[in-house]
Amino acid sequence: MTTPKQPDKQPGPLTPAAEQAERERKQHLDEALDEALEESFPASDPPAVH
């Protein structure tokens, strides 16, 4: 006997604090990527962002 699959739960709306944290995370990632691109140019290796 198998149990019926539960529908995937959709996340609810983000709180203002969570929205701000997500914007800051994306901004940090964008800045890290920009820096990695500047430091790797014109090398043929792709930039590394951690």
Protein backbone atom coordinates (compact mmCIF):
# COMPACT_ATOMS: atom_id res chain seq x y z
CA MET A 1 0.00 0.00 0.00
CA THR A 2 1.41 3.36 -0.97
CA THR A 3 0.46 6.65 0.51
CA PRO A 4 -0.85 9.27 -1.87
CA LYS A 5 1.70 11.87 -2.84
CA GLN A 6 1.20 15.16 -1.09
CA PRO A 7 1.13 18.20 -3.34
CA ASP A 8 4.26 20.33 -3.16
CA LYS A 9 3.76 23.17 -0.76
CA GLN A 10 4.23 26.56 -2.31
CA PRO A 11 6.06 29.04 -0.11
CA GLY A 12 3.91 31.82 1.19
CA PRO A 13 4.66 35.49 0.72
CA LEU A 14 7.94 36.63 2.21
CA THR A 15 8.01 38.88 5.22
CA PRO A 16 9.58 42.32 4.71
CA ALA A 17 12.67 41.14 6.61
CA ALA A 18 12.96 38.04 4.42
CA GLU A 19 12.55 40.15 1.27
CA GLN A 20 15.33 42.47 2.46
CA ALA A 21 17.59 39.51 3.27
CA GLU A 22 16.96 38.04 -0.21
CA ARG A 23 17.79 41.39 -1.88
CA GLU A 24 21.01 41.64 0.16
CA ARG A 25 21.97 38.05 -0.73
CA LYS A 26 21.44 38.73 -4.43
CA GLN A 27 23.36 42.02 -4.21
CA HIS A 28 26.28 40.27 -2.52
CA LEU A 29 26.29 37.55 -5.19
CA ASP A 30 26.23 40.17 -7.96
CA GLU A 31 29.15 42.03 -6.37
CA ALA A 32 31.14 38.81 -5.91
CA LEU A 33 30.54 37.84 -9.53
CA ASP A 34 31.54 41.30 -10.78
CA GLU A 35 34.76 41.13 -8.77
CA ALA A 36 35.55 37.62 -10.00
CA LEU A 37 34.96 38.69 -13.59
CA GLU A 38 37.25 41.71 -13.22
CA GLU A 39 40.00 39.62 -11.62
CA SER A 40 39.84 36.85 -14.21
CA PHE A 41 39.81 39.03 -17.34
CA PRO A 42 41.28 38.29 -19.90
CA ALA A 43 42.13 34.78 -18.71
CA SER A 44 40.40 31.86 -20.37
CA ASP A 45 39.37 30.25 -17.07
CA PRO A 46 35.82 30.93 -15.90
CA PRO A 47 35.43 33.03 -12.76
CA ALA A 48 34.91 31.23 -9.46
CA VAL A 49 32.31 32.60 -7.07
CA HIS A 50 31.94 30.91 -3.68
